[in-house]
């Protein structure tokens, strides 16, 4: 199944928000997927993997902007 970019973007935002508030990233993405009626396990895993990868990039950017030493950014 083709996953639209705006769904991935919503999942990324949900992951970043979950990290900011020490919440569950998976549960946040599940909520997004439920909102879009994406129920197939394979599609859910696909969205989580893509969104998590992109959220990591964004999170690392935030750490750099905050002055975190590069040794602690991965």
PDB file of N, CA and C in Angstrom:
ATOM      1  N   UNK A   1       0.834  -1.186   0.000  1.00  0.00           N
ATOM      2  CA  UNK A   1       0.000   0.000   0.000  1.00  0.00           C
ATOM      3  C   UNK A   1       0.877   1.246   0.000  1.00  0.00           C
ATOM      4  N   UNK A   2       0.489   2.213  -0.802  1.00  0.00           N
ATOM      5  CA  UNK A   2       1.185   3.494  -0.835  1.00  0.00           C
ATOM      6  C   UNK A   2       0.718   4.329   0.350  1.00  0.00           C
ATOM      7  N   UNK A   3       1.668   4.856   1.105  1.00  0.00           N
ATOM      8  CA  UNK A   3       1.358   5.691   2.262  1.00  0.00           C
ATOM      9  C   UNK A   3       1.613   7.143   1.866  1.00  0.00           C
ATOM     10  N   UNK A   4       0.624   7.975   2.018  1.00  0.00           N
ATOM     11  CA  UNK A   4       0.754   9.381   1.631  1.00  0.00           C
ATOM     12  C   UNK A   4       1.715  10.116   2.573  1.00  0.00           C
ATOM     13  N   UNK A   5       2.407  11.095   1.989  1.00  0.00           N
ATOM     14  CA  UNK A   5       3.415  11.848   2.738  1.00  0.00           C
ATOM     15  C   UNK A   5       2.852  12.521   3.986  1.00  0.00           C
ATOM     16  N   UNK A   6       1.646  13.028   3.910  1.00  0.00           N
ATOM     17  CA  UNK A   6       1.102  13.742   5.070  1.00  0.00           C
ATOM     18  C   UNK A   6       0.876  12.796   6.257  1.00  0.00           C
ATOM     19  N   UNK A   7       0.644  11.523   5.978  1.00  0.00           N
ATOM     20  CA  UNK A   7       0.496  10.548   7.062  1.00  0.00           C
ATOM     21  C   UNK A   7       1.846  10.302   7.718  1.00  0.00           C
ATOM     22  N   UNK A   8       2.880  10.166   6.903  1.00  0.00           N
ATOM     23  CA  UNK A   8       4.246  10.003   7.435  1.00  0.00           C
ATOM     24  C   UNK A   8       4.612  11.237   8.260  1.00  0.00           C
ATOM     25  N   UNK A   9       4.305  12.418   7.736  1.00  0.00           N
ATOM     26  CA  UNK A   9       4.613  13.664   8.455  1.00  0.00           C
ATOM     27  C   UNK A   9       3.902  13.722   9.804  1.00  0.00           C
ATOM     28  N   UNK A  10       2.646  13.300   9.838  1.00  0.00           N
ATOM     29  CA  UNK A  10       1.907  13.274  11.108  1.00  0.00           C
ATOM     30  C   UNK A  10       2.546  12.288  12.079  1.00  0.00           C
ATOM     31  N   UNK A  11       2.989  11.158  11.558  1.00  0.00           N
ATOM     32  CA  UNK A  11       3.636  10.154  12.415  1.00  0.00           C
ATOM     33  C   UNK A  11       4.961  10.690  12.962  1.00  0.00           C
ATOM     34  N   UNK A  12       5.707  11.411  12.142  1.00  0.00           N
ATOM     35  CA  UNK A  12       6.962  12.019  12.599  1.00  0.00           C
ATOM     36  C   UNK A  12       6.677  12.997  13.735  1.00  0.00           C
ATOM     37  N   UNK A  13       5.696  13.851  13.540  1.00  0.00           N
ATOM     38  CA  UNK A  13       5.330  14.811  14.580  1.00  0.00           C
ATOM     39  C   UNK A  13       4.903  14.101  15.863  1.00  0.00           C
ATOM     40  N   UNK A  14       4.166  13.014  15.712  1.00  0.00           N
ATOM     41  CA  UNK A  14       3.718  12.260  16.886  1.00  0.00           C
ATOM     42  C   UNK A  14       4.905  11.665  17.635  1.00  0.00           C
ATOM     43  N   UNK A  15       5.888  11.171  16.906  1.00  0.00           N
ATOM     44  CA  UNK A  15       7.081  10.589  17.542  1.00  0.00           C
ATOM     45  C   UNK A  15       7.861  11.671  18.282  1.00  0.00           C
ATOM     46  N   UNK A  16       8.094  12.799  17.615  1.00  0.00           N
ATOM     47  CA  UNK A  16       8.859  13.880  18.239  1.00  0.00           C
ATOM     48  C   UNK A  16       8.136  14.386  19.494  1.00  0.00           C
ATOM     49  N   UNK A  17       6.838  14.541  19.401  1.00  0.00           N
ATOM     50  CA  UNK A  17       6.064  14.997  20.555  1.00  0.00           C
ATOM     51  C   UNK A  17       6.135  13.979  21.686  1.00  0.00           C
ATOM     52  N   UNK A  18       6.046  12.706  21.348  1.00  0.00           N
ATOM     53  CA  UNK A  18       6.147  11.664  22.373  1.00  0.00           C
ATOM     54  C   UNK A  18       7.506  11.730  23.067  1.00  0.00           C
ATOM     55  N   UNK A  19       8.558  11.963  22.297  1.00  0.00           N
ATOM     56  CA  UNK A  19       9.893  12.065  22.895  1.00  0.00           C
ATOM     57  C   UNK A  19       9.987  13.270  23.825  1.00  0.00           C
ATOM     58  N   UNK A  20       9.404  14.373  23.405  1.00  0.00           N
ATOM     59  CA  UNK A  20       9.469  15.584  24.225  1.00  0.00           C
ATOM     60  C   UNK A  20       8.783  15.391  25.565  1.00  0.00           C
ATOM     61  N   UNK A  21       7.737  14.570  25.592  1.00  0.00           N
ATOM     62  CA  UNK A  21       6.965  14.377  26.816  1.00  0.00           C
ATOM     63  C   UNK A  21       7.143  12.985  27.417  1.00  0.00           C
ATOM     64  N   UNK A  22       8.201  12.271  26.987  1.00  0.00           N
ATOM     65  CA  UNK A  22       8.525  10.935  27.501  1.00  0.00           C
ATOM     66  C   UNK A  22       7.341   9.971  27.353  1.00  0.00           C
ATOM     67  N   UNK A  23       6.657  10.081  26.236  1.00  0.00           N
ATOM     68  CA  UNK A  23       5.532   9.190  25.960  1.00  0.00           C
ATOM     69  C   UNK A  23       5.952   8.024  25.095  1.00  0.00           C
ATOM     70  N   UNK A  24       4.998   7.213  24.752  1.00  0.00           N
ATOM     71  CA  UNK A  24       5.251   6.049  23.908  1.00  0.00           C
ATOM     72  C   UNK A  24       5.184   6.452  22.438  1.00  0.00           C
ATOM     73  N   UNK A  25       6.293   6.295  21.744  1.00  0.00           N
ATOM     74  CA  UNK A  25       6.345   6.626  20.330  1.00  0.00           C
ATOM     75  C   UNK A  25       5.426   5.712  19.523  1.00  0.00           C
ATOM     76  N   UNK A  26       5.460   4.427  19.836  1.00  0.00           N
ATOM     77  CA  UNK A  26       4.623   3.467  19.097  1.00  0.00           C
ATOM     78  C   UNK A  26       3.144   3.776  19.283  1.00  0.00           C
ATOM     79  N   UNK A  27       2.742   4.065  20.490  1.00  0.00           N
ATOM     80  CA  UNK A  27       1.334   4.384  20.741  1.00  0.00           C
ATOM     81  C   UNK A  27       0.928   5.663  20.006  1.00  0.00           C
ATOM     82  N   UNK A  28       1.829   6.624  19.943  1.00  0.00           N
ATOM     83  CA  UNK A  28       1.531   7.873  19.241  1.00  0.00           C
ATOM     84  C   UNK A  28       1.314   7.610  17.753  1.00  0.00           C
ATOM     85  N   UNK A  29       2.148   6.754  17.174  1.00  0.00           N
ATOM     86  CA  UNK A  29       1.997   6.426  15.757  1.00  0.00           C
ATOM     87  C   UNK A  29       0.733   5.604  15.536  1.00  0.00           C
ATOM     88  N   UNK A  30       0.423   4.705  16.445  1.00  0.00           N
ATOM     89  CA  UNK A  30      -0.808   3.916  16.328  1.00  0.00           C
ATOM     90  C   UNK A  30      -2.019   4.841  16.288  1.00  0.00           C
ATOM     91  N   UNK A  31      -2.021   5.881  17.102  1.00  0.00           N
ATOM     92  CA  UNK A  31      -3.128   6.836  17.091  1.00  0.00           C
ATOM     93  C   UNK A  31      -3.268   7.509  15.723  1.00  0.00           C
ATOM     94  N   UNK A  32      -2.134   7.909  15.138  1.00  0.00           N
ATOM     95  CA  UNK A  32      -2.155   8.523  13.807  1.00  0.00           C
ATOM     96  C   UNK A  32      -2.709   7.539  12.786  1.00  0.00           C
ATOM     97  N   UNK A  33      -2.235   6.304  12.843  1.00  0.00           N
ATOM     98  CA  UNK A  33      -2.667   5.297  11.875  1.00  0.00           C
ATOM     99  C   UNK A  33      -4.148   4.973  12.038  1.00  0.00           C
ATOM    100  N   UNK A  34      -4.615   4.930  13.266  1.00  0.00           N
ATOM    101  CA  UNK A  34      -6.040   4.706  13.508  1.00  0.00           C
ATOM    102  C   UNK A  34      -6.880   5.841  12.917  1.00  0.00           C
ATOM    103  N   UNK A  35      -6.383   7.066  13.044  1.00  0.00           N
ATOM    104  CA  UNK A  35      -7.097   8.216  12.486  1.00  0.00           C
ATOM    105  C   UNK A  35      -7.254   8.108  10.967  1.00  0.00           C
ATOM    106  N   UNK A  36      -6.311   7.419  10.332  1.00  0.00           N
ATOM    107  CA  UNK A  36      -6.332   7.278   8.869  1.00  0.00           C
ATOM    108  C   UNK A  36      -6.798   5.882   8.425  1.00  0.00           C
ATOM    109  N   UNK A  37      -7.333   5.126   9.361  1.00  0.00           N
ATOM    110  CA  UNK A  37      -7.860   3.778   9.073  1.00  0.00           C
ATOM    111  C   UNK A  37      -6.835   2.853   8.410  1.00  0.00           C
ATOM    112  N   UNK A  38      -5.602   2.945   8.864  1.00  0.00           N
ATOM    113  CA  UNK A  38      -4.559   2.043   8.386  1.00  0.00           C
ATOM    114  C   UNK A  38      -4.440   0.935   9.420  1.00  0.00           C
ATOM    115  N   UNK A  39      -4.887  -0.252   9.034  1.00  0.00           N
ATOM    116  CA  UNK A  39      -5.012  -1.344  10.002  1.00  0.00           C
ATOM    117  C   UNK A  39      -4.079  -2.527   9.741  1.00  0.00           C
ATOM    118  N   UNK A  40      -3.586  -2.657   8.528  1.00  0.00           N
ATOM    119  CA  UNK A  40      -2.726  -3.797   8.199  1.00  0.00           C
ATOM    120  C   UNK A  40      -1.402  -3.689   8.950  1.00  0.00           C
ATOM    121  N   UNK A  41      -1.011  -4.787   9.568  1.00  0.00           N
ATOM    122  CA  UNK A  41       0.220  -4.805  10.365  1.00  0.00           C
ATOM    123  C   UNK A  41       1.431  -4.392   9.542  1.00  0.00           C
ATOM    124  N   UNK A  42       1.520  -4.893   8.325  1.00  0.00           N
ATOM    125  CA  UNK A  42       2.659  -4.583   7.458  1.00  0.00           C
ATOM    126  C   UNK A  42       2.726  -3.083   7.157  1.00  0.00           C
ATOM    127  N   UNK A  43       1.585  -2.468   6.893  1.00  0.00           N
ATOM    128  CA  UNK A  43       1.543  -1.032   6.617  1.00  0.00           C
ATOM    129  C   UNK A  43       1.904  -0.225   7.857  1.00  0.00           C
ATOM    130  N   UNK A  44       1.430  -0.670   9.016  1.00  0.00           N
ATOM    131  CA  UNK A  44       1.744   0.021  10.269  1.00  0.00           C
ATOM    132  C   UNK A  44       3.243  -0.023  10.556  1.00  0.00           C
ATOM    133  N   UNK A  45       3.851  -1.178  10.340  1.00  0.00           N
ATOM    134  CA  UNK A  45       5.290  -1.313  10.563  1.00  0.00           C
ATOM    135  C   UNK A  45       6.073  -0.439   9.591  1.00  0.00           C
ATOM    136  N   UNK A  46       5.604  -0.411   8.347  1.00  0.00           N
ATOM    137  CA  UNK A  46       6.262   0.408   7.330  1.00  0.00           C
ATOM    138  C   UNK A  46       6.239   1.878   7.723  1.00  0.00           C
ATOM    139  N   UNK A  47       5.081   2.377   8.125  1.00  0.00           N
ATOM    140  CA  UNK A  47       4.958   3.778   8.521  1.00  0.00           C
ATOM    141  C   UNK A  47       5.841   4.062   9.728  1.00  0.00           C
ATOM    142  N   UNK A  48       5.823   3.179  10.718  1.00  0.00           N
ATOM    143  CA  UNK A  48       6.634   3.424  11.914  1.00  0.00           C
ATOM    144  C   UNK A  48       8.117   3.473  11.561  1.00  0.00           C
ATOM    145  N   UNK A  49       8.587   2.553  10.744  1.00  0.00           N
ATOM    146  CA  UNK A  49      10.016   2.528  10.389  1.00  0.00           C
ATOM    147  C   UNK A  49      10.434   3.806   9.665  1.00  0.00           C
ATOM    148  N   UNK A  50       9.635   4.215   8.689  1.00  0.00           N
ATOM    149  CA  UNK A  50       9.965   5.426   7.929  1.00  0.00           C
ATOM    150  C   UNK A  50       9.914   6.649   8.839  1.00  0.00           C
ATOM    151  N   UNK A  51       8.834   6.777   9.590  1.00  0.00           N
ATOM    152  CA  UNK A  51       8.665   7.944  10.462  1.00  0.00           C
ATOM    153  C   UNK A  51       9.736   7.985  11.547  1.00  0.00           C
ATOM    154  N   UNK A  52      10.066   6.844  12.108  1.00  0.00           N
ATOM    155  CA  UNK A  52      11.085   6.789  13.158  1.00  0.00           C
ATOM    156  C   UNK A  52      12.448   7.214  12.609  1.00  0.00           C
ATOM    157  N   UNK A  53      12.785   6.750  11.413  1.00  0.00           N
ATOM    158  CA  UNK A  53      14.057   7.124  10.794  1.00  0.00           C
ATOM    159  C   UNK A  53      14.129   8.640  10.602  1.00  0.00           C
ATOM    160  N   UNK A  54      13.054   9.214  10.072  1.00  0.00           N
ATOM    161  CA  UNK A  54      13.035  10.656   9.826  1.00  0.00           C
ATOM    162  C   UNK A  54      12.974  11.447  11.131  1.00  0.00           C
ATOM    163  N   UNK A  55      12.261  10.938  12.113  1.00  0.00           N
ATOM    164  CA  UNK A  55      12.199  11.606  13.418  1.00  0.00           C
ATOM    165  C   UNK A  55      13.575  11.617  14.068  1.00  0.00           C
ATOM    166  N   UNK A  56      14.339  10.537  13.905  1.00  0.00           N
ATOM    167  CA  UNK A  56      15.705  10.502  14.452  1.00  0.00           C
ATOM    168  C   UNK A  56      16.549  11.617  13.855  1.00  0.00           C
ATOM    169  N   UNK A  57      16.427  11.838  12.552  1.00  0.00           N
ATOM    170  CA  UNK A  57      17.166  12.920  11.906  1.00  0.00           C
ATOM    171  C   UNK A  57      16.783  14.280  12.467  1.00  0.00           C
ATOM    172  N   UNK A  58      15.494  14.481  12.650  1.00  0.00           N
ATOM    173  CA  UNK A  58      15.018  15.747  13.204  1.00  0.00           C
ATOM    174  C   UNK A  58      15.487  15.907  14.649  1.00  0.00           C
ATOM    175  N   UNK A  59      15.419  14.829  15.413  1.00  0.00           N
ATOM    176  CA  UNK A  59      15.822  14.862  16.819  1.00  0.00           C
ATOM    177  C   UNK A  59      17.307  15.187  16.937  1.00  0.00           C
ATOM    178  N   UNK A  60      18.118  14.591  16.056  1.00  0.00           N
ATOM    179  CA  UNK A  60      19.552  14.875  16.063  1.00  0.00           C
ATOM    180  C   UNK A  60      19.825  16.334  15.723  1.00  0.00           C
ATOM    181  N   UNK A  61      19.036  16.896  14.824  1.00  0.00           N
ATOM    182  CA  UNK A  61      19.175  18.317  14.493  1.00  0.00           C
ATOM    183  C   UNK A  61      18.882  19.173  15.721  1.00  0.00           C
ATOM    184  N   UNK A  62      17.829  18.815  16.460  1.00  0.00           N
ATOM    185  CA  UNK A  62      17.502  19.547  17.682  1.00  0.00           C
ATOM    186  C   UNK A  62      18.666  19.485  18.671  1.00  0.00           C
ATOM    187  N   UNK A  63      19.279  18.313  18.783  1.00  0.00           N
ATOM    188  CA  UNK A  63      20.397  18.169  19.726  1.00  0.00           C
ATOM    189  C   UNK A  63      21.577  19.038  19.302  1.00  0.00           C
ATOM    190  N   UNK A  64      21.861  19.067  18.003  1.00  0.00           N
ATOM    191  CA  UNK A  64      22.960  19.919  17.526  1.00  0.00           C
ATOM    192  C   UNK A  64      22.668  21.385  17.829  1.00  0.00           C
ATOM    193  N   UNK A  65      21.438  21.811  17.566  1.00  0.00           N
ATOM    194  CA  UNK A  65      21.056  23.199  17.820  1.00  0.00           C
ATOM    195  C   UNK A  65      21.160  23.547  19.306  1.00  0.00           C
ATOM    196  N   UNK A  66      20.981  22.538  20.157  1.00  0.00           N
ATOM    197  CA  UNK A  66      21.071  22.759  21.603  1.00  0.00           C
ATOM    198  C   UNK A  66      22.516  22.704  22.106  1.00  0.00           C
ATOM    199  N   UNK A  67      23.445  22.383  21.197  1.00  0.00           N
ATOM    200  CA  UNK A  67      24.854  22.369  21.582  1.00  0.00           C
ATOM    201  C   UNK A  67      25.348  21.058  22.167  1.00  0.00           C
ATOM    202  N   UNK A  68      24.625  19.978  21.949  1.00  0.00           N
ATOM    203  CA  UNK A  68      25.052  18.671  22.442  1.00  0.00           C
ATOM    204  C   UNK A  68      26.306  18.262  21.678  1.00  0.00           C
ATOM    205  N   UNK A  69      27.282  17.741  22.407  1.00  0.00           N
ATOM    206  CA  UNK A  69      28.523  17.258  21.803  1.00  0.00           C
ATOM    207  C   UNK A  69      28.205  16.159  20.789  1.00  0.00           C
ATOM    208  N   UNK A  70      28.879  16.213  19.638  1.00  0.00           N
ATOM    209  CA  UNK A  70      28.637  15.239  18.554  1.00  0.00           C
ATOM    210  C   UNK A  70      28.820  13.783  19.003  1.00  0.00           C
ATOM    211  N   UNK A  71      29.655  13.551  20.013  1.00  0.00           N
ATOM    212  CA  UNK A  71      29.844  12.176  20.501  1.00  0.00           C
ATOM    213  C   UNK A  71      28.552  11.591  21.056  1.00  0.00           C
ATOM    214  N   UNK A  72      27.632  12.455  21.433  1.00  0.00           N
ATOM    215  CA  UNK A  72      26.395  11.990  22.056  1.00  0.00           C
ATOM    216  C   UNK A  72      25.198  12.050  21.110  1.00  0.00           C
ATOM    217  N   UNK A  73      25.486  12.324  19.847  1.00  0.00           N
ATOM    218  CA  UNK A  73      24.425  12.365  18.835  1.00  0.00           C
ATOM    219  C   UNK A  73      24.590  11.163  17.938  1.00  0.00           C
ATOM    220  N   UNK A  74      23.545  10.328  17.894  1.00  0.00           N
ATOM    221  CA  UNK A  74      23.624   9.131  17.043  1.00  0.00           C
ATOM    222  C   UNK A  74      22.309   8.859  16.399  1.00  0.00           C
TER     223      UNK A  74
END
